[in-house]
């Protein structure tokens, strides 16, 4: 915590936070796209802006983007302007992201077998 100097007044820095509780009060989740974080965001219906770091995160973040649950950026190459533009665009289309998340959640709780759900989506 001592590494953070000059923290803006609208920031709170903590070593740990109750993520699911916080997701209940947010419009957009900036995440590393770990599977647990992604599942928690989906459970709470919160669109995601993913910054994958390692392991499964690049694959998960691609799925987030491909399924319309959010977007992803490369933390190594993005610019502040790109981050700002992406967040603004996502906030303008928030309802579509939320609808896509709701559709995935509906499929997860369906009594239909996976192949039937896939066929329904195709046809």
N, C-alpha and C. Protein backbone atom coordinates (compact mmCIF):
# COMPACT_ATOMS: atom_id res chain seq x y z
N UNK A 1 0.81 -1.19 0.00
CA UNK A 1 0.00 0.00 0.00
C UNK A 1 0.86 1.26 0.00
N UNK A 2 2.07 1.15 0.51
CA UNK A 2 2.95 2.31 0.57
C UNK A 2 3.45 2.73 -0.81
N UNK A 3 3.30 1.86 -1.80
CA UNK A 3 3.77 2.16 -3.14
C UNK A 3 2.89 3.18 -3.86
N UNK A 4 1.71 3.44 -3.33
CA UNK A 4 0.78 4.35 -3.98
C UNK A 4 0.93 5.75 -3.41
N UNK A 5 1.54 6.62 -4.18
CA UNK A 5 1.69 8.02 -3.79
C UNK A 5 0.67 8.86 -4.55
N UNK A 6 0.26 9.94 -3.96
CA UNK A 6 -0.65 10.89 -4.61
C UNK A 6 -1.89 10.20 -5.18
N UNK A 7 -2.60 9.50 -4.36
CA UNK A 7 -3.83 8.83 -4.77
C UNK A 7 -4.93 9.89 -4.92
N UNK A 8 -5.61 9.92 -6.08
CA UNK A 8 -6.70 10.88 -6.26
C UNK A 8 -7.77 10.71 -5.19
N UNK A 9 -8.46 11.79 -4.89
CA UNK A 9 -9.45 11.77 -3.81
C UNK A 9 -10.64 10.87 -4.12
N UNK A 10 -10.88 10.58 -5.40
CA UNK A 10 -12.01 9.71 -5.75
C UNK A 10 -11.59 8.25 -5.90
N UNK A 11 -10.41 7.88 -5.41
CA UNK A 11 -9.92 6.51 -5.41
C UNK A 11 -9.85 5.99 -3.99
N UNK A 12 -10.13 4.70 -3.85
CA UNK A 12 -9.95 4.01 -2.58
C UNK A 12 -9.06 2.81 -2.87
N UNK A 13 -7.99 2.68 -2.14
CA UNK A 13 -7.07 1.57 -2.33
C UNK A 13 -7.08 0.70 -1.08
N UNK A 14 -7.38 -0.58 -1.28
CA UNK A 14 -7.43 -1.55 -0.19
C UNK A 14 -6.68 -2.80 -0.62
N UNK A 15 -6.12 -3.55 0.33
CA UNK A 15 -5.42 -4.79 -0.05
C UNK A 15 -6.38 -5.86 -0.57
N UNK A 16 -7.59 -5.91 -0.07
CA UNK A 16 -8.61 -6.83 -0.57
C UNK A 16 -9.96 -6.14 -0.46
N UNK A 17 -10.89 -6.59 -1.30
CA UNK A 17 -12.24 -6.03 -1.27
C UNK A 17 -13.25 -7.16 -1.50
N UNK A 18 -14.48 -6.99 -1.01
CA UNK A 18 -15.53 -7.99 -1.27
C UNK A 18 -16.08 -7.76 -2.69
N UNK A 19 -15.48 -8.42 -3.65
CA UNK A 19 -15.74 -8.14 -5.06
C UNK A 19 -17.22 -8.26 -5.44
N UNK A 20 -17.88 -9.33 -5.03
CA UNK A 20 -19.29 -9.51 -5.41
C UNK A 20 -20.15 -8.39 -4.85
N UNK A 21 -19.87 -7.97 -3.64
CA UNK A 21 -20.62 -6.85 -3.05
C UNK A 21 -20.39 -5.57 -3.85
N UNK A 22 -19.17 -5.32 -4.26
CA UNK A 22 -18.87 -4.13 -5.05
C UNK A 22 -19.53 -4.18 -6.42
N UNK A 23 -19.57 -5.35 -7.02
CA UNK A 23 -20.17 -5.49 -8.34
C UNK A 23 -21.66 -5.14 -8.33
N UNK A 24 -22.29 -5.20 -7.19
CA UNK A 24 -23.70 -4.84 -7.08
C UNK A 24 -23.91 -3.34 -7.26
N UNK A 25 -22.83 -2.57 -7.20
CA UNK A 25 -22.94 -1.11 -7.23
C UNK A 25 -22.13 -0.48 -8.36
N UNK A 26 -21.83 -1.25 -9.39
CA UNK A 26 -21.00 -0.72 -10.47
C UNK A 26 -21.65 -0.95 -11.82
N UNK A 27 -21.35 -0.07 -12.76
CA UNK A 27 -21.89 -0.19 -14.12
C UNK A 27 -20.98 -0.98 -15.04
N UNK A 28 -19.67 -0.91 -14.77
CA UNK A 28 -18.67 -1.53 -15.63
C UNK A 28 -17.54 -2.05 -14.77
N UNK A 29 -17.06 -3.25 -15.08
CA UNK A 29 -16.03 -3.91 -14.29
C UNK A 29 -14.74 -3.98 -15.09
N UNK A 30 -13.70 -3.30 -14.64
CA UNK A 30 -12.37 -3.41 -15.23
C UNK A 30 -11.68 -4.58 -14.54
N UNK A 31 -11.32 -5.60 -15.33
CA UNK A 31 -10.88 -6.87 -14.76
C UNK A 31 -9.71 -7.46 -15.53
N UNK A 32 -8.98 -8.34 -14.88
CA UNK A 32 -7.91 -9.09 -15.54
C UNK A 32 -8.47 -10.28 -16.32
N UNK A 33 -9.75 -10.55 -16.18
CA UNK A 33 -10.45 -11.63 -16.89
C UNK A 33 -10.09 -13.01 -16.36
N UNK A 34 -9.84 -13.11 -15.07
CA UNK A 34 -9.72 -14.43 -14.45
C UNK A 34 -11.10 -15.08 -14.46
N UNK A 35 -11.14 -16.38 -14.45
CA UNK A 35 -12.42 -17.09 -14.55
C UNK A 35 -13.35 -16.76 -13.39
N UNK A 36 -12.84 -16.71 -12.17
CA UNK A 36 -13.70 -16.39 -11.03
C UNK A 36 -14.28 -14.98 -11.15
N UNK A 37 -13.44 -14.02 -11.47
CA UNK A 37 -13.92 -12.64 -11.61
C UNK A 37 -14.94 -12.53 -12.73
N UNK A 38 -14.68 -13.22 -13.83
CA UNK A 38 -15.61 -13.20 -14.96
C UNK A 38 -16.95 -13.81 -14.56
N UNK A 39 -16.93 -14.94 -13.88
CA UNK A 39 -18.18 -15.56 -13.42
C UNK A 39 -18.93 -14.66 -12.45
N UNK A 40 -18.21 -14.01 -11.56
CA UNK A 40 -18.86 -13.11 -10.60
C UNK A 40 -19.50 -11.92 -11.30
N UNK A 41 -18.81 -11.36 -12.29
CA UNK A 41 -19.38 -10.24 -13.04
C UNK A 41 -20.63 -10.69 -13.80
N UNK A 42 -20.57 -11.87 -14.41
CA UNK A 42 -21.74 -12.37 -15.11
C UNK A 42 -22.89 -12.61 -14.15
N UNK A 43 -22.59 -13.18 -13.00
CA UNK A 43 -23.63 -13.44 -11.99
C UNK A 43 -24.33 -12.14 -11.61
N UNK A 44 -23.57 -11.05 -11.52
CA UNK A 44 -24.13 -9.77 -11.11
C UNK A 44 -24.62 -8.95 -12.30
N UNK A 45 -24.44 -9.46 -13.52
CA UNK A 45 -24.93 -8.77 -14.72
C UNK A 45 -24.14 -7.53 -15.08
N UNK A 46 -22.84 -7.53 -14.79
CA UNK A 46 -22.00 -6.35 -15.02
C UNK A 46 -21.09 -6.57 -16.23
N UNK A 47 -21.19 -5.71 -17.24
CA UNK A 47 -20.28 -5.80 -18.39
C UNK A 47 -18.84 -5.59 -17.96
N UNK A 48 -17.92 -6.15 -18.77
CA UNK A 48 -16.51 -6.17 -18.38
C UNK A 48 -15.61 -5.54 -19.44
N UNK A 49 -14.62 -4.82 -18.97
CA UNK A 49 -13.51 -4.36 -19.80
C UNK A 49 -12.30 -5.12 -19.29
N UNK A 50 -11.80 -6.03 -20.12
CA UNK A 50 -10.78 -6.98 -19.69
C UNK A 50 -9.38 -6.53 -20.11
N UNK A 51 -8.45 -6.76 -19.20
CA UNK A 51 -7.03 -6.52 -19.41
C UNK A 51 -6.28 -7.81 -19.05
N UNK A 52 -6.29 -8.81 -19.95
CA UNK A 52 -5.69 -10.10 -19.60
C UNK A 52 -4.19 -9.98 -19.34
N UNK A 53 -3.73 -10.77 -18.38
CA UNK A 53 -2.32 -10.74 -17.99
C UNK A 53 -1.61 -12.05 -18.33
N UNK A 54 -2.19 -13.19 -17.96
CA UNK A 54 -1.50 -14.46 -18.15
C UNK A 54 -2.48 -15.62 -18.03
N UNK A 55 -1.94 -16.83 -18.12
CA UNK A 55 -2.70 -18.07 -17.93
C UNK A 55 -3.92 -18.11 -18.85
N UNK A 56 -5.11 -18.33 -18.28
CA UNK A 56 -6.33 -18.46 -19.07
C UNK A 56 -6.94 -17.12 -19.45
N UNK A 57 -6.41 -16.03 -18.93
CA UNK A 57 -7.04 -14.72 -19.10
C UNK A 57 -7.15 -14.25 -20.56
N UNK A 58 -6.15 -14.47 -21.42
CA UNK A 58 -6.34 -14.08 -22.82
C UNK A 58 -7.50 -14.82 -23.49
N UNK A 59 -7.65 -16.10 -23.19
CA UNK A 59 -8.75 -16.88 -23.77
C UNK A 59 -10.09 -16.41 -23.20
N UNK A 60 -10.15 -16.21 -21.90
CA UNK A 60 -11.40 -15.76 -21.27
C UNK A 60 -11.78 -14.38 -21.80
N UNK A 61 -10.81 -13.49 -21.92
CA UNK A 61 -11.11 -12.13 -22.40
C UNK A 61 -11.59 -12.15 -23.86
N UNK A 62 -11.08 -13.07 -24.65
CA UNK A 62 -11.57 -13.19 -26.03
C UNK A 62 -13.02 -13.66 -26.03
N UNK A 63 -13.36 -14.59 -25.14
CA UNK A 63 -14.75 -15.04 -25.03
C UNK A 63 -15.66 -13.90 -24.57
N UNK A 64 -15.18 -13.10 -23.62
CA UNK A 64 -15.95 -11.94 -23.16
C UNK A 64 -16.30 -11.06 -24.35
N UNK A 65 -15.31 -10.80 -25.18
CA UNK A 65 -15.52 -9.95 -26.35
C UNK A 65 -16.39 -10.64 -27.40
N UNK A 66 -16.08 -11.90 -27.72
CA UNK A 66 -16.82 -12.62 -28.75
C UNK A 66 -18.29 -12.80 -28.41
N UNK A 67 -18.60 -12.98 -27.13
CA UNK A 67 -19.99 -13.17 -26.69
C UNK A 67 -20.71 -11.86 -26.43
N UNK A 68 -20.02 -10.75 -26.60
CA UNK A 68 -20.66 -9.44 -26.40
C UNK A 68 -20.89 -9.10 -24.94
N UNK A 69 -20.07 -9.67 -24.05
CA UNK A 69 -20.21 -9.41 -22.62
C UNK A 69 -19.34 -8.23 -22.19
N UNK A 70 -18.52 -7.75 -23.11
CA UNK A 70 -17.62 -6.64 -22.82
C UNK A 70 -16.59 -6.49 -23.90
N UNK A 71 -15.53 -5.80 -23.58
CA UNK A 71 -14.42 -5.55 -24.50
C UNK A 71 -13.12 -5.95 -23.83
N UNK A 72 -12.05 -5.94 -24.60
CA UNK A 72 -10.73 -6.19 -24.01
C UNK A 72 -9.73 -5.23 -24.61
N UNK A 73 -8.75 -4.90 -23.83
CA UNK A 73 -7.65 -4.04 -24.26
C UNK A 73 -6.34 -4.67 -23.82
N UNK A 74 -5.29 -4.35 -24.54
CA UNK A 74 -3.95 -4.81 -24.18
C UNK A 74 -3.35 -3.78 -23.24
N UNK A 75 -3.15 -4.15 -22.00
CA UNK A 75 -2.63 -3.22 -20.99
C UNK A 75 -1.24 -2.72 -21.34
N UNK A 76 -0.50 -3.50 -22.13
CA UNK A 76 0.87 -3.11 -22.50
C UNK A 76 0.90 -2.03 -23.57
N UNK A 77 -0.10 -2.00 -24.44
CA UNK A 77 -0.05 -1.09 -25.58
C UNK A 77 -1.13 -0.01 -25.60
N UNK A 78 -2.15 -0.13 -24.76
CA UNK A 78 -3.23 0.85 -24.81
C UNK A 78 -2.75 2.22 -24.36
N UNK A 79 -3.43 3.22 -24.86
CA UNK A 79 -3.14 4.60 -24.46
C UNK A 79 -4.24 5.08 -23.53
N UNK A 80 -3.99 6.12 -22.75
CA UNK A 80 -5.07 6.68 -21.92
C UNK A 80 -6.28 7.08 -22.76
N UNK A 81 -6.04 7.63 -23.94
CA UNK A 81 -7.15 8.03 -24.80
C UNK A 81 -7.97 6.82 -25.25
N UNK A 82 -7.28 5.72 -25.58
CA UNK A 82 -7.98 4.50 -25.99
C UNK A 82 -8.82 3.95 -24.84
N UNK A 83 -8.27 3.97 -23.64
CA UNK A 83 -9.02 3.52 -22.47
C UNK A 83 -10.26 4.38 -22.27
N UNK A 84 -10.09 5.68 -22.33
CA UNK A 84 -11.22 6.59 -22.14
C UNK A 84 -12.29 6.39 -23.21
N UNK A 85 -11.88 6.26 -24.47
CA UNK A 85 -12.83 6.06 -25.56
C UNK A 85 -13.57 4.73 -25.41
N UNK A 86 -12.86 3.70 -25.02
CA UNK A 86 -13.48 2.38 -24.87
C UNK A 86 -14.50 2.38 -23.73
N UNK A 87 -14.13 2.96 -22.60
CA UNK A 87 -15.06 3.04 -21.47
C UNK A 87 -16.29 3.84 -21.86
N UNK A 88 -16.11 4.98 -22.51
CA UNK A 88 -17.24 5.82 -22.91
C UNK A 88 -18.16 5.06 -23.87
N UNK A 89 -17.58 4.39 -24.85
CA UNK A 89 -18.39 3.63 -25.81
C UNK A 89 -19.15 2.51 -25.12
N UNK A 90 -18.50 1.85 -24.19
CA UNK A 90 -19.17 0.77 -23.46
C UNK A 90 -20.32 1.30 -22.62
N UNK A 91 -20.12 2.43 -21.96
CA UNK A 91 -21.18 3.01 -21.15
C UNK A 91 -22.37 3.42 -22.01
N UNK A 92 -22.11 3.84 -23.24
CA UNK A 92 -23.19 4.23 -24.15
C UNK A 92 -23.99 3.02 -24.63
N UNK A 93 -23.39 1.83 -24.60
CA UNK A 93 -24.06 0.61 -25.06
C UNK A 93 -24.24 -0.40 -23.93
N UNK A 94 -24.32 0.10 -22.72
CA UNK A 94 -24.37 -0.75 -21.54
C UNK A 94 -25.54 -1.73 -21.57
N UNK A 95 -26.70 -1.28 -22.03
CA UNK A 95 -27.88 -2.15 -22.01
C UNK A 95 -27.71 -3.35 -22.93
N UNK A 96 -27.01 -3.18 -24.05
CA UNK A 96 -26.78 -4.31 -24.95
C UNK A 96 -25.86 -5.34 -24.30
N UNK A 97 -24.80 -4.86 -23.65
CA UNK A 97 -23.91 -5.79 -22.93
C UNK A 97 -24.68 -6.54 -21.85
N UNK A 98 -25.52 -5.82 -21.11
CA UNK A 98 -26.30 -6.46 -20.04
C UNK A 98 -27.27 -7.49 -20.60
N UNK A 99 -27.87 -7.18 -21.75
CA UNK A 99 -28.78 -8.14 -22.39
C UNK A 99 -28.03 -9.40 -22.82
N UNK A 100 -26.83 -9.23 -23.35
CA UNK A 100 -26.02 -10.39 -23.74
C UNK A 100 -25.66 -11.25 -22.53
N UNK A 101 -25.32 -10.60 -21.43
CA UNK A 101 -25.02 -11.34 -20.20
C UNK A 101 -26.26 -12.09 -19.72
N UNK A 102 -27.41 -11.43 -19.77
CA UNK A 102 -28.66 -12.07 -19.34
C UNK A 102 -28.96 -13.30 -20.20
N UNK A 103 -28.70 -13.21 -21.51
CA UNK A 103 -28.94 -14.36 -22.39
C UNK A 103 -28.05 -15.54 -22.02
N UNK A 104 -26.80 -15.27 -21.72
CA UNK A 104 -25.88 -16.34 -21.31
C UNK A 104 -26.36 -16.96 -19.99
N UNK A 105 -26.76 -16.10 -19.05
CA UNK A 105 -27.25 -16.61 -17.77
C UNK A 105 -28.49 -17.48 -17.96
N UNK A 106 -29.38 -17.07 -18.87
CA UNK A 106 -30.58 -17.87 -19.15
C UNK A 106 -30.19 -19.25 -19.67
N UNK A 107 -29.21 -19.28 -20.57
CA UNK A 107 -28.75 -20.56 -21.12
C UNK A 107 -28.16 -21.44 -20.03
N UNK A 108 -27.43 -20.85 -19.10
CA UNK A 108 -26.81 -21.63 -18.03
C UNK A 108 -27.85 -22.28 -17.13
N UNK A 109 -29.02 -21.67 -17.03
CA UNK A 109 -30.05 -22.19 -16.13
C UNK A 109 -31.15 -22.93 -16.89
N UNK A 110 -30.92 -23.18 -18.16
CA UNK A 110 -31.91 -23.86 -18.98
C UNK A 110 -31.92 -25.36 -18.69
N UNK A 111 -33.10 -25.96 -18.85
CA UNK A 111 -33.22 -27.41 -18.73
C UNK A 111 -32.85 -28.11 -20.03
N UNK A 112 -32.69 -27.33 -21.11
CA UNK A 112 -32.36 -27.92 -22.41
C UNK A 112 -30.90 -28.37 -22.43
N UNK A 113 -30.63 -29.48 -23.11
CA UNK A 113 -29.23 -29.90 -23.29
C UNK A 113 -28.47 -28.87 -24.14
N UNK A 114 -27.17 -28.86 -23.99
CA UNK A 114 -26.33 -27.89 -24.70
C UNK A 114 -26.50 -27.92 -26.20
N UNK A 115 -26.63 -29.11 -26.80
CA UNK A 115 -26.76 -29.19 -28.25
C UNK A 115 -28.07 -28.56 -28.73
N UNK A 116 -29.13 -28.63 -27.92
CA UNK A 116 -30.40 -28.01 -28.28
C UNK A 116 -30.26 -26.49 -28.21
N UNK A 117 -29.61 -25.99 -27.18
CA UNK A 117 -29.37 -24.55 -27.08
C UNK A 117 -28.55 -24.05 -28.27
N UNK A 118 -27.53 -24.82 -28.65
CA UNK A 118 -26.70 -24.43 -29.80
C UNK A 118 -27.53 -24.40 -31.08
N UNK A 119 -28.35 -25.41 -31.28
CA UNK A 119 -29.21 -25.45 -32.48
C UNK A 119 -30.19 -24.28 -32.47
N UNK A 120 -30.76 -23.97 -31.32
CA UNK A 120 -31.68 -22.84 -31.22
C UNK A 120 -30.99 -21.54 -31.62
N UNK A 121 -29.75 -21.37 -31.22
CA UNK A 121 -28.99 -20.15 -31.55
C UNK A 121 -28.69 -20.08 -33.05
N UNK A 122 -28.39 -21.23 -33.64
CA UNK A 122 -28.03 -21.26 -35.05
C UNK A 122 -29.25 -21.01 -35.93
N UNK A 123 -30.36 -21.64 -35.56
CA UNK A 123 -31.57 -21.54 -36.37
C UNK A 123 -32.50 -20.54 -35.77
